[in-house]
Amino acid sequence: MDLNVERDGSLLLVNLAGRLDGSNSRDFESSLNSEIGDSNCSVVLDLGELTYISSAGLRAILLITKSVKSKNASMVLCSLPKQIEEVFKISGFDRIIPIHATKNEAVESIGG
């Protein structure tokens, strides 16, 4: 898993590449929660280079989403590869976390 985080004002742009599974989901969650901290920044999570996600990875994303929403901010996903998007739809996560085709659409959707 490769994680790249950029801050743009009150917006975090996060790129996640590789695999998100039981072996690294806690590190991912911890790293992203550290970046978010106590701020009420919104998060755009770009999954365009994600090759695999397990239930542990889904859980980490859900917990981060809940944390962000508890601070009255937004979290959206973008650029999901077809197989990853299918996992989000089958699990019903697409009804919990908005998914956008591109990073630009995702940023616009949260007013960035």
Protein backbone atom coordinates (compact mmCIF):
# COMPACT_ATOMS: atom_id res chain seq x y z
CA MET A 1 0.00 0.00 0.00
CA ASP A 2 1.24 3.45 -0.93
CA LEU A 3 -0.42 6.46 0.67
CA ASN A 4 0.12 10.02 -0.52
CA VAL A 5 -1.62 12.90 1.27
CA GLU A 6 -1.75 16.54 0.15
CA ARG A 7 -3.44 19.35 2.06
CA ASP A 8 -5.19 22.08 0.10
CA GLY A 9 -6.66 24.48 2.63
CA SER A 10 -9.37 22.60 4.49
CA LEU A 11 -9.26 19.72 2.02
CA LEU A 12 -7.17 16.56 2.18
CA LEU A 13 -6.41 14.93 -1.16
CA VAL A 14 -5.46 11.32 -0.54
CA ASN A 15 -4.12 8.88 -3.14
CA LEU A 16 -4.10 5.22 -2.22
CA ALA A 17 -2.30 2.65 -4.38
CA GLY A 18 -1.74 -1.08 -4.16
CA ARG A 19 -3.64 -3.36 -1.79
CA LEU A 20 -5.72 -2.39 1.25
CA ASP A 21 -6.26 -5.50 3.34
CA GLY A 22 -5.85 -6.96 6.82
CA SER A 23 -2.09 -6.60 6.72
CA ASN A 24 -2.13 -2.81 6.34
CA SER A 25 -5.64 -1.48 7.01
CA ARG A 26 -4.82 -0.39 10.57
CA ASP A 27 -1.72 1.46 9.37
CA PHE A 28 -3.83 3.16 6.69
CA GLU A 29 -6.50 4.15 9.22
CA SER A 30 -3.94 5.39 11.74
CA SER A 31 -1.97 7.38 9.15
CA LEU A 32 -5.05 9.06 7.72
CA ASN A 33 -6.51 9.82 11.16
CA SER A 34 -3.18 11.42 12.08
CA GLU A 35 -3.33 13.61 8.96
CA ILE A 36 -6.91 14.62 9.74
CA GLY A 37 -6.20 15.24 13.43
CA ASP A 38 -8.70 17.49 15.17
CA SER A 39 -9.43 19.53 12.06
CA ASN A 40 -12.74 19.47 10.28
CA CYS A 41 -11.15 19.02 6.86
CA SER A 42 -12.99 17.19 4.12
CA VAL A 43 -11.32 14.22 2.43
CA VAL A 44 -11.14 13.16 -1.21
CA LEU A 45 -9.89 9.58 -1.35
CA ASP A 46 -8.59 8.73 -4.83
CA LEU A 47 -8.60 4.95 -5.31
CA GLY A 48 -7.57 5.01 -8.97
CA GLU A 49 -4.46 2.94 -8.29
CA LEU A 50 -5.98 0.56 -5.73
CA THR A 51 -5.68 -3.03 -6.97
CA TYR A 52 -7.42 -4.90 -4.14
CA ILE A 53 -9.56 -4.16 -1.07
CA SER A 54 -10.62 -6.63 1.61
CA SER A 55 -13.33 -6.35 4.24
CA ALA A 56 -10.67 -4.99 6.61
CA GLY A 57 -9.93 -2.25 4.09
CA LEU A 58 -13.62 -1.43 3.72
CA ARG A 59 -13.91 -1.24 7.50
CA ALA A 60 -10.98 1.19 7.73
CA ILE A 61 -12.54 3.46 5.09
CA LEU A 62 -15.89 3.31 6.90
CA LEU A 63 -14.32 4.23 10.25
CA ILE A 64 -12.46 7.16 8.70
CA THR A 65 -15.68 8.32 7.02
CA LYS A 66 -17.53 8.23 10.35
CA SER A 67 -14.73 10.19 12.00
CA VAL A 68 -14.74 12.84 9.27
CA LYS A 69 -18.56 13.14 9.36
CA SER A 70 -18.51 13.50 13.16
CA LYS A 71 -16.49 16.69 12.61
CA ASN A 72 -19.13 18.07 10.19
CA ALA A 73 -16.90 17.48 7.18
CA SER A 74 -17.29 15.32 4.08
CA MET A 75 -15.52 12.31 2.67
CA VAL A 76 -15.88 11.23 -0.94
CA LEU A 77 -14.22 8.61 -3.12
CA CYS A 78 -13.11 8.94 -6.71
CA SER A 79 -11.54 7.16 -9.68
CA LEU A 80 -12.42 3.66 -8.50
CA PRO A 81 -11.26 0.88 -10.82
CA LYS A 82 -14.20 -1.22 -12.02
CA GLN A 83 -13.46 -4.20 -9.75
CA ILE A 84 -13.06 -1.96 -6.68
CA GLU A 85 -16.26 -0.05 -7.47
CA GLU A 86 -18.07 -3.38 -7.74
CA VAL A 87 -16.94 -4.30 -4.20
CA PHE A 88 -18.26 -0.96 -2.90
CA LYS A 89 -21.61 -1.50 -4.64
CA ILE A 90 -22.02 -5.12 -3.53
CA SER A 91 -21.23 -4.18 0.07
CA GLY A 92 -23.61 -1.18 -0.04
CA PHE A 93 -20.81 1.26 0.77
CA ASP A 94 -21.74 3.31 -2.30
CA ARG A 95 -24.88 4.34 -0.39
CA ILE A 96 -22.78 5.50 2.58
CA ILE A 97 -19.84 7.20 0.87
CA PRO A 98 -20.35 9.22 -2.33
CA ILE A 99 -18.36 7.93 -5.31
CA HIS A 100 -17.30 10.17 -8.20
CA ALA A 101 -15.75 9.28 -11.54
CA THR A 102 -12.92 11.83 -11.34
CA LYS A 103 -10.99 13.76 -8.71
CA ASN A 104 -12.27 17.05 -10.13
CA GLU A 105 -15.89 15.92 -9.73
CA ALA A 106 -15.14 14.78 -6.18
CA VAL A 107 -13.53 18.10 -5.22
CA GLU A 108 -16.41 20.06 -6.76
CA SER A 109 -18.98 17.94 -4.90
CA ILE A 110 -17.62 19.06 -1.53
CA GLY A 111 -17.15 22.66 -2.54
CA GLY A 112 -13.40 22.58 -3.04
